[in-house]
């Protein structure tokens, strides 16, 4: 297995974000971002390097890794950004440390869109210690076009209007991965597995395969 493709970090990464699983709040004032509930469950695996050109080493859970998550709110705004006037805010940002099974969980809201981009969620995996350190894997995850459209017909998303572009119209989704694993349409390999529970909450899951030889 060659690993999960990486994509650009983008301009809105902020380091030193809070260690928390519920990233909906702004810690300074306790205010919550409104939106459709979304639970993210990521399982991170290390792809062992067998020193061959097939990249077919075994996968083992990557425990003790730091997983950062950040994304836009229902109106397409990120926290911690000068241009958005959110420098002192930290909503919809947080990190968790993977457990023995390589798993992290985040409670958040369904992300909104902003001009020029399809709806997406940023994720970064870093090794804190051990033989992999320093290791940094960065990518973006995408959500189903039809679900994006359904969500944005609901408040508060509908204040921002319908989704501007589909996944396939997004240049980063349609382009190559930054690690040269995929030459075109790298976003096809980065689609969240989405289900909706009886309470109307979405659950998005993904198995992240980190290949240290590709970092």
N, C-alpha and C. Protein backbone atom coordinates (compact mmCIF):
# COMPACT_ATOMS: atom_id res chain seq x y z
N UNK A 1 0.84 -1.19 0.00
CA UNK A 1 0.00 0.00 0.00
C UNK A 1 0.88 1.25 0.00
N UNK A 2 0.59 2.15 -0.90
CA UNK A 2 1.42 3.33 -1.05
C UNK A 2 1.09 4.43 -0.06
N UNK A 3 -0.03 4.36 0.58
CA UNK A 3 -0.40 5.41 1.52
C UNK A 3 -1.49 6.30 0.97
N UNK A 4 -2.08 7.12 1.85
CA UNK A 4 -3.12 8.06 1.46
C UNK A 4 -2.47 9.30 0.85
N UNK A 5 -2.98 9.78 -0.30
CA UNK A 5 -2.35 10.93 -0.96
C UNK A 5 -2.39 12.18 -0.09
N UNK A 6 -1.34 12.98 -0.22
CA UNK A 6 -1.28 14.26 0.47
C UNK A 6 -1.72 15.39 -0.46
N UNK A 7 -2.26 16.44 0.14
CA UNK A 7 -2.59 17.66 -0.59
C UNK A 7 -2.04 18.86 0.16
N UNK A 8 -2.08 20.01 -0.49
CA UNK A 8 -1.50 21.22 0.08
C UNK A 8 -2.09 21.59 1.43
N UNK A 9 -1.26 22.14 2.29
CA UNK A 9 -1.70 22.59 3.61
C UNK A 9 -2.68 23.75 3.51
N UNK A 10 -2.51 24.60 2.50
CA UNK A 10 -3.35 25.77 2.35
C UNK A 10 -2.88 26.91 3.23
N UNK A 11 -3.49 28.08 3.10
CA UNK A 11 -3.02 29.27 3.81
C UNK A 11 -3.55 29.43 5.24
N UNK A 12 -4.42 28.53 5.68
CA UNK A 12 -5.13 28.78 6.94
C UNK A 12 -4.73 27.86 8.09
N UNK A 13 -3.59 27.18 7.97
CA UNK A 13 -3.12 26.36 9.09
C UNK A 13 -2.62 27.26 10.22
N UNK A 14 -2.97 26.90 11.46
CA UNK A 14 -2.48 27.61 12.65
C UNK A 14 -1.97 26.56 13.61
N UNK A 15 -0.71 26.68 14.02
CA UNK A 15 -0.16 25.72 14.97
C UNK A 15 -0.51 26.15 16.39
N UNK A 16 -0.33 25.25 17.34
CA UNK A 16 -0.61 25.57 18.73
C UNK A 16 -2.09 25.65 19.07
N UNK A 17 -2.91 24.91 18.32
CA UNK A 17 -4.35 24.91 18.57
C UNK A 17 -4.67 24.01 19.75
N UNK A 18 -5.90 24.10 20.32
CA UNK A 18 -6.22 23.37 21.54
C UNK A 18 -6.27 21.85 21.36
N UNK A 19 -5.89 21.15 22.42
CA UNK A 19 -6.04 19.69 22.48
C UNK A 19 -7.46 19.41 22.94
N UNK A 20 -8.32 19.03 22.03
CA UNK A 20 -9.74 18.80 22.37
C UNK A 20 -10.39 17.98 21.27
N UNK A 21 -11.43 17.24 21.65
CA UNK A 21 -12.17 16.46 20.67
C UNK A 21 -13.39 17.22 20.15
N UNK A 22 -13.96 18.12 20.96
CA UNK A 22 -15.08 18.93 20.52
C UNK A 22 -14.53 20.29 20.08
N UNK A 23 -14.54 20.53 18.78
CA UNK A 23 -13.90 21.75 18.27
C UNK A 23 -14.92 22.82 17.88
N UNK A 24 -16.17 22.67 18.31
CA UNK A 24 -17.20 23.61 17.90
C UNK A 24 -17.11 24.97 18.58
N UNK A 25 -16.51 25.02 19.75
CA UNK A 25 -16.54 26.26 20.53
C UNK A 25 -15.33 27.14 20.27
N UNK A 26 -15.51 28.42 20.59
CA UNK A 26 -14.40 29.35 20.68
C UNK A 26 -14.05 29.45 22.16
N UNK A 27 -12.86 29.02 22.54
CA UNK A 27 -12.55 28.85 23.95
C UNK A 27 -12.59 30.15 24.74
N UNK A 28 -12.28 31.28 24.11
CA UNK A 28 -12.22 32.55 24.84
C UNK A 28 -13.55 32.96 25.43
N UNK A 29 -14.64 32.72 24.70
CA UNK A 29 -15.95 33.15 25.20
C UNK A 29 -16.97 32.01 25.28
N UNK A 30 -16.59 30.80 24.88
CA UNK A 30 -17.49 29.66 24.99
C UNK A 30 -18.57 29.59 23.93
N UNK A 31 -18.56 30.52 22.97
CA UNK A 31 -19.59 30.52 21.93
C UNK A 31 -19.42 29.31 21.02
N UNK A 32 -20.55 28.78 20.55
CA UNK A 32 -20.55 27.58 19.70
C UNK A 32 -20.87 27.95 18.26
N UNK A 33 -20.17 27.31 17.33
CA UNK A 33 -20.50 27.46 15.92
C UNK A 33 -21.76 26.66 15.62
N UNK A 34 -22.71 27.28 14.96
CA UNK A 34 -23.95 26.61 14.61
C UNK A 34 -23.79 25.86 13.30
N UNK A 35 -24.49 24.74 13.21
CA UNK A 35 -24.45 23.95 11.99
C UNK A 35 -24.88 22.53 12.22
N UNK A 36 -24.96 21.78 11.15
CA UNK A 36 -25.35 20.37 11.21
C UNK A 36 -24.23 19.58 11.89
N UNK A 37 -24.55 18.80 12.94
CA UNK A 37 -23.51 18.06 13.66
C UNK A 37 -22.78 17.07 12.76
N UNK A 38 -21.47 17.01 12.95
CA UNK A 38 -20.63 16.08 12.20
C UNK A 38 -19.60 15.49 13.15
N UNK A 39 -19.57 14.18 13.22
CA UNK A 39 -18.54 13.49 14.00
C UNK A 39 -17.50 12.92 13.03
N UNK A 40 -16.24 13.22 13.30
CA UNK A 40 -15.16 12.70 12.48
C UNK A 40 -14.43 11.60 13.23
N UNK A 41 -14.20 10.49 12.58
CA UNK A 41 -13.45 9.37 13.16
C UNK A 41 -12.35 9.00 12.18
N UNK A 42 -11.11 9.26 12.57
CA UNK A 42 -9.96 8.93 11.73
C UNK A 42 -9.16 7.82 12.38
N UNK A 43 -8.83 6.81 11.60
CA UNK A 43 -7.93 5.75 12.04
C UNK A 43 -6.65 5.88 11.25
N UNK A 44 -5.55 6.09 11.96
CA UNK A 44 -4.26 6.35 11.31
C UNK A 44 -3.40 5.10 11.39
N UNK A 45 -2.85 4.71 10.24
CA UNK A 45 -1.99 3.54 10.17
C UNK A 45 -0.65 3.93 9.56
N UNK A 46 0.40 3.26 10.02
CA UNK A 46 1.71 3.39 9.40
C UNK A 46 1.87 2.28 8.37
N UNK A 47 2.33 2.64 7.19
CA UNK A 47 2.63 1.66 6.16
C UNK A 47 4.12 1.35 6.27
N UNK A 48 4.45 0.13 6.64
CA UNK A 48 5.85 -0.26 6.79
C UNK A 48 6.53 -0.29 5.44
N UNK A 49 7.79 0.13 5.43
CA UNK A 49 8.57 0.16 4.20
C UNK A 49 9.33 -1.15 4.04
N UNK A 50 8.97 -1.91 3.00
CA UNK A 50 9.63 -3.20 2.74
C UNK A 50 10.80 -3.07 1.78
N UNK A 51 11.17 -1.79 1.51
CA UNK A 51 12.29 -1.52 0.62
C UNK A 51 12.12 -2.16 -0.76
N UNK A 52 10.90 -2.12 -1.26
CA UNK A 52 10.68 -2.55 -2.64
C UNK A 52 9.86 -1.50 -3.35
N UNK A 53 9.73 -1.62 -4.64
CA UNK A 53 9.05 -0.58 -5.41
C UNK A 53 7.54 -0.75 -5.45
N UNK A 54 7.02 -1.75 -4.76
CA UNK A 54 5.57 -1.97 -4.74
C UNK A 54 4.90 -1.22 -3.60
N UNK A 55 5.67 -0.85 -2.59
CA UNK A 55 5.08 -0.15 -1.45
C UNK A 55 4.03 -0.98 -0.75
N UNK A 56 4.26 -2.30 -0.66
CA UNK A 56 3.22 -3.19 -0.15
C UNK A 56 3.53 -3.69 1.26
N UNK A 57 4.16 -2.86 2.07
CA UNK A 57 4.43 -3.25 3.44
C UNK A 57 3.15 -3.33 4.26
N UNK A 58 3.19 -4.00 5.40
CA UNK A 58 2.00 -4.13 6.25
C UNK A 58 1.61 -2.80 6.90
N UNK A 59 0.34 -2.70 7.27
CA UNK A 59 -0.17 -1.51 7.97
C UNK A 59 -0.31 -1.84 9.45
N UNK A 60 0.16 -0.93 10.30
CA UNK A 60 -0.01 -1.10 11.74
C UNK A 60 -0.56 0.20 12.31
N UNK A 61 -1.40 0.12 13.36
CA UNK A 61 -1.96 1.34 13.95
C UNK A 61 -0.86 2.31 14.39
N UNK A 62 -1.06 3.58 14.08
CA UNK A 62 -0.10 4.62 14.41
C UNK A 62 -0.55 5.27 15.72
N UNK A 63 -0.11 4.74 16.85
CA UNK A 63 -0.51 5.30 18.13
C UNK A 63 0.44 6.42 18.53
N UNK A 64 -0.09 7.38 19.30
CA UNK A 64 0.73 8.48 19.79
C UNK A 64 1.02 9.56 18.78
N UNK A 65 0.30 9.58 17.65
CA UNK A 65 0.48 10.63 16.65
C UNK A 65 -0.44 11.80 16.95
N UNK A 66 0.00 12.99 16.61
CA UNK A 66 -0.80 14.20 16.79
C UNK A 66 -1.58 14.46 15.51
N UNK A 67 -2.90 14.57 15.61
CA UNK A 67 -3.76 14.79 14.45
C UNK A 67 -4.47 16.13 14.60
N UNK A 68 -4.11 17.09 13.74
CA UNK A 68 -4.76 18.40 13.71
C UNK A 68 -5.90 18.40 12.70
N UNK A 69 -7.00 19.08 13.06
CA UNK A 69 -8.13 19.26 12.17
C UNK A 69 -8.51 20.73 12.15
N UNK A 70 -8.79 21.29 10.97
CA UNK A 70 -9.30 22.65 10.87
C UNK A 70 -10.14 22.79 9.61
N UNK A 71 -11.20 23.59 9.70
CA UNK A 71 -12.06 23.81 8.53
C UNK A 71 -12.90 25.07 8.73
N UNK A 72 -13.56 25.49 7.66
CA UNK A 72 -14.38 26.70 7.68
C UNK A 72 -15.72 26.45 8.37
N UNK A 73 -16.32 27.54 8.86
CA UNK A 73 -17.64 27.43 9.49
C UNK A 73 -18.74 27.47 8.44
N UNK A 74 -19.99 27.57 8.87
CA UNK A 74 -21.12 27.48 7.95
C UNK A 74 -21.13 28.59 6.91
N UNK A 75 -20.44 29.70 7.21
CA UNK A 75 -20.39 30.83 6.29
C UNK A 75 -19.07 30.90 5.52
N UNK A 76 -18.26 29.84 5.62
CA UNK A 76 -17.01 29.80 4.89
C UNK A 76 -15.87 30.56 5.52
N UNK A 77 -15.93 30.76 6.85
CA UNK A 77 -14.92 31.56 7.56
C UNK A 77 -14.09 30.66 8.47
N UNK A 78 -12.77 30.86 8.43
CA UNK A 78 -11.86 30.17 9.34
C UNK A 78 -11.57 31.05 10.55
N UNK A 79 -11.31 30.42 11.68
CA UNK A 79 -10.80 31.15 12.84
C UNK A 79 -9.30 31.37 12.69
N UNK A 80 -8.76 32.30 13.50
CA UNK A 80 -7.32 32.51 13.55
C UNK A 80 -6.72 33.19 12.35
N UNK A 81 -7.55 33.88 11.54
CA UNK A 81 -7.08 34.47 10.29
C UNK A 81 -7.26 35.99 10.31
N UNK A 82 -6.19 36.73 10.07
CA UNK A 82 -6.22 38.19 10.11
C UNK A 82 -7.22 38.75 9.11
N UNK A 83 -7.17 38.24 7.86
CA UNK A 83 -8.03 38.79 6.81
C UNK A 83 -9.51 38.61 7.10
N UNK A 84 -9.83 37.59 7.89
CA UNK A 84 -11.23 37.31 8.23
C UNK A 84 -11.65 38.02 9.53
N UNK A 85 -10.70 38.67 10.19
CA UNK A 85 -11.00 39.33 11.46
C UNK A 85 -11.22 38.35 12.59
N UNK A 86 -10.62 37.17 12.48
CA UNK A 86 -10.83 36.12 13.49
C UNK A 86 -9.53 35.73 14.18
N UNK A 87 -8.56 36.63 14.20
CA UNK A 87 -7.22 36.31 14.70
C UNK A 87 -7.25 35.72 16.10
N UNK A 88 -8.08 36.24 16.97
CA UNK A 88 -8.11 35.81 18.37
C UNK A 88 -9.07 34.65 18.62
N UNK A 89 -9.61 34.08 17.58
CA UNK A 89 -10.59 32.99 17.74
C UNK A 89 -9.97 31.65 17.36
N UNK A 90 -10.54 30.58 17.90
CA UNK A 90 -10.01 29.23 17.62
C UNK A 90 -11.09 28.21 17.35
N UNK A 91 -12.29 28.68 16.94
CA UNK A 91 -13.36 27.72 16.63
C UNK A 91 -12.99 26.84 15.44
N UNK A 92 -13.49 25.62 15.49
CA UNK A 92 -13.32 24.61 14.44
C UNK A 92 -11.85 24.31 14.17
N UNK A 93 -11.08 24.31 15.27
CA UNK A 93 -9.68 23.89 15.24
C UNK A 93 -9.41 23.06 16.49
N UNK A 94 -8.61 22.03 16.35
CA UNK A 94 -8.23 21.24 17.51
C UNK A 94 -7.36 20.08 17.09
N UNK A 95 -6.76 19.45 18.10
CA UNK A 95 -5.98 18.25 17.80
C UNK A 95 -6.26 17.19 18.84
N UNK A 96 -6.00 15.96 18.46
CA UNK A 96 -6.08 14.81 19.35
C UNK A 96 -4.85 13.93 19.12
N UNK A 97 -4.54 13.10 20.13
CA UNK A 97 -3.46 12.13 20.03
C UNK A 97 -4.07 10.76 19.79
N UNK A 98 -3.59 10.06 18.79
CA UNK A 98 -4.16 8.75 18.46
C UNK A 98 -3.97 7.76 19.61
N UNK A 99 -4.99 6.92 19.84
CA UNK A 99 -4.92 5.91 20.88
C UNK A 99 -4.17 4.68 20.37
N UNK A 100 -4.20 3.61 21.14
CA UNK A 100 -3.45 2.40 20.76
C UNK A 100 -3.92 1.80 19.44
N UNK A 101 -5.16 2.12 19.05
CA UNK A 101 -5.68 1.63 17.78
C UNK A 101 -5.46 2.62 16.64
N UNK A 102 -4.76 3.73 16.94
CA UNK A 102 -4.52 4.75 15.93
C UNK A 102 -5.71 5.63 15.64
N UNK A 103 -6.67 5.69 16.59
CA UNK A 103 -7.93 6.37 16.34
C UNK A 103 -8.02 7.72 17.05
N UNK A 104 -8.61 8.70 16.37
CA UNK A 104 -8.99 9.98 16.98
C UNK A 104 -10.43 10.29 16.57
N UNK A 105 -11.11 11.07 17.43
CA UNK A 105 -12.49 11.45 17.16
C UNK A 105 -12.65 12.95 17.41
N UNK A 106 -13.43 13.59 16.55
CA UNK A 106 -13.72 15.02 16.70
C UNK A 106 -15.21 15.24 16.53
N UNK A 107 -15.77 16.08 17.39
CA UNK A 107 -17.15 16.55 17.23
C UNK A 107 -17.08 17.96 16.66
N UNK A 108 -17.75 18.15 15.53
CA UNK A 108 -17.69 19.44 14.86
C UNK A 108 -19.02 19.68 14.14
N UNK A 109 -19.02 20.60 13.19
CA UNK A 109 -20.19 20.84 12.35
C UNK A 109 -19.80 20.60 10.90
N UNK A 110 -20.78 20.37 10.08
CA UNK A 110 -20.55 20.22 8.65
C UNK A 110 -19.95 21.52 8.14
N UNK A 111 -18.83 21.45 7.42
CA UNK A 111 -18.17 22.68 6.98
C UNK A 111 -18.92 23.41 5.87
N UNK A 112 -18.67 24.72 5.79
CA UNK A 112 -19.24 25.53 4.72
C UNK A 112 -18.26 25.72 3.58
N UNK A 113 -18.68 26.47 2.58
CA UNK A 113 -17.84 26.70 1.40
C UNK A 113 -17.34 28.13 1.41
N UNK A 114 -16.26 28.34 0.65
CA UNK A 114 -15.82 29.70 0.36
C UNK A 114 -15.37 29.76 -1.09
N UNK A 115 -15.28 30.97 -1.62
CA UNK A 115 -15.09 31.17 -3.04
C UNK A 115 -13.87 30.43 -3.58
N UNK A 116 -14.09 29.69 -4.67
CA UNK A 116 -13.00 29.03 -5.36
C UNK A 116 -12.66 27.64 -4.89
N UNK A 117 -13.31 27.18 -3.82
CA UNK A 117 -13.00 25.86 -3.28
C UNK A 117 -14.26 25.04 -3.07
N UNK A 118 -14.11 23.74 -3.29
CA UNK A 118 -15.15 22.81 -2.86
C UNK A 118 -15.09 22.67 -1.34
N UNK A 119 -16.13 22.15 -0.74
CA UNK A 119 -16.16 21.96 0.71
C UNK A 119 -15.12 20.91 1.09
N UNK A 120 -14.33 21.20 2.13
CA UNK A 120 -13.24 20.30 2.50
C UNK A 120 -12.88 20.47 3.97
N UNK A 121 -12.13 19.50 4.48
CA UNK A 121 -11.63 19.50 5.86
C UNK A 121 -10.13 19.23 5.81
N UNK A 122 -9.36 20.05 6.50
CA UNK A 122 -7.91 19.88 6.54
C UNK A 122 -7.51 18.95 7.69
N UNK A 123 -6.53 18.09 7.41
CA UNK A 123 -6.01 17.18 8.44
C UNK A 123 -4.49 17.11 8.31
N UNK A 124 -3.82 17.14 9.45
CA UNK A 124 -2.37 17.00 9.50
C UNK A 124 -2.02 15.97 10.56
N UNK A 125 -1.14 15.03 10.23
CA UNK A 125 -0.66 14.01 11.16
C UNK A 125 0.82 14.23 11.39
N UNK A 126 1.22 14.28 12.68
CA UNK A 126 2.63 14.46 13.01
C UNK A 126 3.05 13.44 14.06
N UNK A 127 4.27 12.94 13.93
CA UNK A 127 4.84 12.06 14.94
C UNK A 127 5.46 12.92 16.03
N UNK A 128 5.12 12.63 17.29
CA UNK A 128 5.64 13.41 18.41
C UNK A 128 7.00 12.91 18.86
N UNK A 129 7.21 11.62 18.73
CA UNK A 129 8.48 11.03 19.15
C UNK A 129 8.64 9.68 18.47
N UNK A 130 9.80 9.08 18.64
CA UNK A 130 10.02 7.76 18.06
C UNK A 130 10.79 7.84 16.76
N UNK A 131 10.99 6.68 16.12
CA UNK A 131 11.83 6.61 14.92
C UNK A 131 11.26 7.37 13.73
N UNK A 132 9.92 7.65 13.73
CA UNK A 132 9.31 8.37 12.60
C UNK A 132 9.54 9.88 12.71
N UNK A 133 9.90 10.36 13.89
CA UNK A 133 9.99 11.80 14.10
C UNK A 133 11.29 12.35 13.51
N UNK A 134 11.28 13.50 12.83
CA UNK A 134 10.08 14.29 12.53
C UNK A 134 9.33 13.74 11.31
N UNK A 135 8.04 13.62 11.43
CA UNK A 135 7.19 13.15 10.34
C UNK A 135 5.97 14.06 10.28
N UNK A 136 5.59 14.44 9.07
CA UNK A 136 4.42 15.29 8.90
C UNK A 136 3.70 14.90 7.62
N UNK A 137 2.44 14.53 7.76
CA UNK A 137 1.58 14.15 6.63
C UNK A 137 0.41 15.13 6.62
N UNK A 138 0.11 15.72 5.48
CA UNK A 138 -0.93 16.75 5.39
C UNK A 138 -1.83 16.49 4.19
N UNK A 139 -3.14 16.62 4.39
CA UNK A 139 -4.05 16.45 3.27
C UNK A 139 -5.39 17.14 3.54
N UNK A 140 -6.32 16.94 2.63
CA UNK A 140 -7.67 17.49 2.75
C UNK A 140 -8.67 16.40 2.42
N UNK A 141 -9.80 16.42 3.14
CA UNK A 141 -10.85 15.45 2.88
C UNK A 141 -12.08 16.15 2.32
N UNK A 142 -12.81 15.43 1.46
CA UNK A 142 -13.94 16.00 0.75
C UNK A 142 -15.22 15.25 1.10
N UNK A 143 -16.37 15.91 0.82
CA UNK A 143 -17.66 15.35 1.17
C UNK A 143 -18.53 15.25 -0.08
N UNK A 144 -19.47 14.35 -0.04
CA UNK A 144 -20.32 14.04 -1.18
C UNK A 144 -21.04 15.29 -1.70
N UNK A 145 -21.01 15.49 -3.01
CA UNK A 145 -21.62 16.68 -3.62
C UNK A 145 -23.10 16.83 -3.26
N UNK A 146 -23.86 15.75 -3.38
CA UNK A 146 -25.30 15.86 -3.15
C UNK A 146 -25.61 16.16 -1.68
N UNK A 147 -24.82 15.60 -0.77
CA UNK A 147 -25.02 15.91 0.65
C UNK A 147 -24.64 17.36 0.92
N UNK A 148 -23.56 17.83 0.30
CA UNK A 148 -23.19 19.25 0.43
C UNK A 148 -24.37 20.15 0.05
N UNK A 149 -25.03 19.83 -1.05
CA UNK A 149 -26.14 20.65 -1.53
C UNK A 149 -27.33 20.58 -0.56
N UNK A 150 -27.61 19.38 -0.04
CA UNK A 150 -28.72 19.24 0.91
C UNK A 150 -28.48 20.04 2.18
N UNK A 151 -27.27 19.94 2.71
CA UNK A 151 -26.95 20.65 3.95
C UNK A 151 -27.07 22.16 3.75
N UNK A 152 -26.64 22.66 2.61
CA UNK A 152 -26.62 24.11 2.41
C UNK A 152 -27.97 24.70 2.05
N UNK A 153 -28.99 23.87 2.02
CA UNK A 153 -30.36 24.38 1.91
C UNK A 153 -30.94 24.67 3.30
N UNK A 154 -30.23 24.24 4.34
CA UNK A 154 -30.69 24.39 5.71
C UNK A 154 -30.02 25.60 6.37
N UNK A 155 -30.70 26.18 7.41
CA UNK A 155 -30.03 27.21 8.19
C UNK A 155 -28.95 26.57 9.06
N UNK A 156 -27.88 27.29 9.39
CA UNK A 156 -27.54 28.65 8.95
C UNK A 156 -26.82 28.71 7.61
N UNK A 157 -26.61 27.55 6.98
CA UNK A 157 -25.84 27.52 5.74
C UNK A 157 -26.51 28.31 4.61
N UNK A 158 -27.85 28.30 4.58
CA UNK A 158 -28.55 28.95 3.47
C UNK A 158 -28.37 30.46 3.46
N UNK A 159 -27.90 31.04 4.57
CA UNK A 159 -27.58 32.47 4.58
C UNK A 159 -26.42 32.78 3.63
N UNK A 160 -25.58 31.80 3.43
CA UNK A 160 -24.39 31.97 2.58
C UNK A 160 -24.66 31.59 1.13
N UNK A 161 -25.81 30.99 0.89
CA UNK A 161 -26.17 30.61 -0.47
C UNK A 161 -25.73 29.21 -0.82
N UNK A 162 -26.14 28.74 -2.00
CA UNK A 162 -25.81 27.38 -2.43
C UNK A 162 -24.31 27.21 -2.66
N UNK A 163 -23.86 25.96 -2.60
CA UNK A 163 -22.45 25.64 -2.80
C UNK A 163 -21.99 26.15 -4.17
N UNK A 164 -20.84 26.83 -4.20
CA UNK A 164 -20.42 27.51 -5.42
C UNK A 164 -19.86 26.57 -6.48
N UNK A 165 -19.09 25.54 -6.06
CA UNK A 165 -18.52 24.60 -7.04
C UNK A 165 -18.57 23.19 -6.48
N UNK A 166 -18.58 22.24 -7.38
CA UNK A 166 -18.57 20.83 -6.99
C UNK A 166 -17.14 20.38 -6.72
N UNK A 167 -17.00 19.18 -6.19
CA UNK A 167 -15.66 18.62 -5.98
C UNK A 167 -14.86 18.60 -7.28
N UNK A 168 -15.49 18.14 -8.35
CA UNK A 168 -14.78 17.95 -9.61
C UNK A 168 -14.33 19.27 -10.24
N UNK A 169 -14.95 20.37 -9.85
CA UNK A 169 -14.58 21.69 -10.37
C UNK A 169 -13.48 22.35 -9.56
N UNK A 170 -13.09 21.72 -8.46
CA UNK A 170 -12.07 22.26 -7.58
C UNK A 170 -10.68 21.86 -8.10
N UNK A 171 -9.80 22.83 -8.27
CA UNK A 171 -8.50 22.56 -8.85
C UNK A 171 -7.61 21.67 -8.00
N UNK A 172 -7.75 21.78 -6.67
CA UNK A 172 -6.94 20.94 -5.78
C UNK A 172 -7.47 19.51 -5.77
N UNK A 173 -8.79 19.37 -5.73
CA UNK A 173 -9.41 18.04 -5.82
C UNK A 173 -9.00 17.36 -7.13
N UNK A 174 -9.08 18.09 -8.24
CA UNK A 174 -8.85 17.52 -9.56
C UNK A 174 -7.37 17.37 -9.89
N UNK A 175 -6.51 18.01 -9.12
CA UNK A 175 -5.10 18.01 -9.45
C UNK A 175 -4.34 16.85 -8.84
N UNK A 176 -3.00 16.87 -8.99
CA UNK A 176 -2.16 15.79 -8.45
C UNK A 176 -1.98 15.94 -6.95
N UNK A 177 -1.59 14.85 -6.30
CA UNK A 177 -1.25 14.93 -4.89
C UNK A 177 0.14 15.54 -4.76
N UNK A 178 0.43 16.14 -3.62
CA UNK A 178 1.71 16.82 -3.44
C UNK A 178 2.87 15.84 -3.24
N UNK A 179 2.56 14.57 -3.03
CA UNK A 179 3.61 13.56 -2.83
C UNK A 179 3.81 12.69 -4.07
N UNK A 180 3.16 13.08 -5.18
CA UNK A 180 3.30 12.37 -6.46
C UNK A 180 2.74 10.96 -6.45
N UNK A 181 1.94 10.62 -5.45
CA UNK A 181 1.30 9.30 -5.45
C UNK A 181 0.21 9.21 -6.52
N UNK A 182 -0.50 10.34 -6.74
CA UNK A 182 -1.61 10.38 -7.68
C UNK A 182 -1.38 11.56 -8.62
N UNK A 183 -1.51 11.33 -9.91
CA UNK A 183 -1.18 12.37 -10.89
C UNK A 183 -2.37 13.26 -11.25
N UNK A 184 -3.59 12.76 -11.05
CA UNK A 184 -4.77 13.55 -11.38
C UNK A 184 -5.94 13.10 -10.51
N UNK A 185 -6.87 14.02 -10.25
CA UNK A 185 -8.06 13.72 -9.43
C UNK A 185 -7.68 13.07 -8.10
N UNK A 186 -6.71 13.64 -7.41
CA UNK A 186 -6.30 13.09 -6.12
C UNK A 186 -7.43 13.11 -5.10
N UNK A 187 -8.38 14.05 -5.26
CA UNK A 187 -9.50 14.14 -4.34
C UNK A 187 -10.39 12.92 -4.33
N UNK A 188 -10.39 12.17 -5.43
CA UNK A 188 -11.20 10.94 -5.48
C UNK A 188 -10.76 9.95 -4.41
N UNK A 189 -9.51 10.03 -4.01
CA UNK A 189 -8.96 9.12 -3.00
C UNK A 189 -9.09 9.69 -1.59
N UNK A 190 -9.76 10.83 -1.46
CA UNK A 190 -9.83 11.54 -0.18
C UNK A 190 -11.26 11.90 0.19
N UNK A 191 -12.19 11.04 -0.21
CA UNK A 191 -13.60 11.26 0.10
C UNK A 191 -13.94 10.64 1.46
N UNK A 192 -14.52 11.44 2.34
CA UNK A 192 -14.97 10.90 3.62
C UNK A 192 -16.09 9.88 3.39
N UNK A 193 -16.09 8.81 4.16
CA UNK A 193 -17.21 7.89 4.19
C UNK A 193 -18.26 8.48 5.13
N UNK A 194 -19.38 8.93 4.57
CA UNK A 194 -20.40 9.64 5.33
C UNK A 194 -21.65 8.80 5.53
N UNK A 195 -22.12 8.75 6.77
CA UNK A 195 -23.42 8.17 7.07
C UNK A 195 -24.19 9.15 7.95
N UNK A 196 -25.50 9.02 7.98
CA UNK A 196 -26.35 9.89 8.78
C UNK A 196 -27.10 9.04 9.79
N UNK A 197 -27.01 9.40 11.08
CA UNK A 197 -27.67 8.60 12.10
C UNK A 197 -29.12 9.05 12.28
N UNK A 198 -29.84 8.40 13.19
CA UNK A 198 -31.26 8.67 13.37
C UNK A 198 -31.53 10.06 13.94
N UNK A 199 -30.53 10.66 14.57
CA UNK A 199 -30.68 12.01 15.13
C UNK A 199 -30.34 13.10 14.10
N UNK A 200 -29.99 12.69 12.89
CA UNK A 200 -29.66 13.67 11.87
C UNK A 200 -28.21 14.11 11.89
N UNK A 201 -27.38 13.45 12.68
CA UNK A 201 -25.97 13.78 12.74
C UNK A 201 -25.20 12.96 11.72
N UNK A 202 -24.28 13.61 11.06
CA UNK A 202 -23.43 12.91 10.10
C UNK A 202 -22.18 12.37 10.81
N UNK A 203 -21.75 11.21 10.36
CA UNK A 203 -20.52 10.61 10.86
C UNK A 203 -19.62 10.38 9.66
N UNK A 204 -18.44 10.98 9.69
CA UNK A 204 -17.48 10.85 8.61
C UNK A 204 -16.27 10.07 9.07
N UNK A 205 -15.92 9.02 8.34
CA UNK A 205 -14.79 8.19 8.74
C UNK A 205 -13.78 8.08 7.59
N UNK A 206 -12.52 7.83 7.97
CA UNK A 206 -11.49 7.64 6.98
C UNK A 206 -10.31 6.92 7.62
N UNK A 207 -9.75 5.96 6.90
CA UNK A 207 -8.52 5.29 7.32
C UNK A 207 -7.34 5.95 6.63
N UNK A 208 -6.51 6.63 7.41
CA UNK A 208 -5.36 7.35 6.88
C UNK A 208 -4.13 6.45 6.91
N UNK A 209 -3.56 6.20 5.76
CA UNK A 209 -2.36 5.38 5.66
C UNK A 209 -1.16 6.29 5.45
N UNK A 210 -0.29 6.35 6.46
CA UNK A 210 0.88 7.22 6.40
C UNK A 210 2.10 6.39 6.04
N UNK A 211 2.66 6.67 4.88
CA UNK A 211 3.85 5.97 4.41
C UNK A 211 5.04 6.89 4.60
N UNK A 212 5.89 6.57 5.59
CA UNK A 212 7.00 7.45 5.94
C UNK A 212 7.95 7.65 4.76
N UNK A 213 8.03 6.68 3.86
CA UNK A 213 8.93 6.80 2.72
C UNK A 213 8.44 7.84 1.71
N UNK A 214 7.14 8.24 1.84
CA UNK A 214 6.58 9.21 0.93
C UNK A 214 6.58 10.62 1.52
N UNK A 215 7.00 10.76 2.77
CA UNK A 215 6.98 12.07 3.44
C UNK A 215 8.17 12.90 2.99
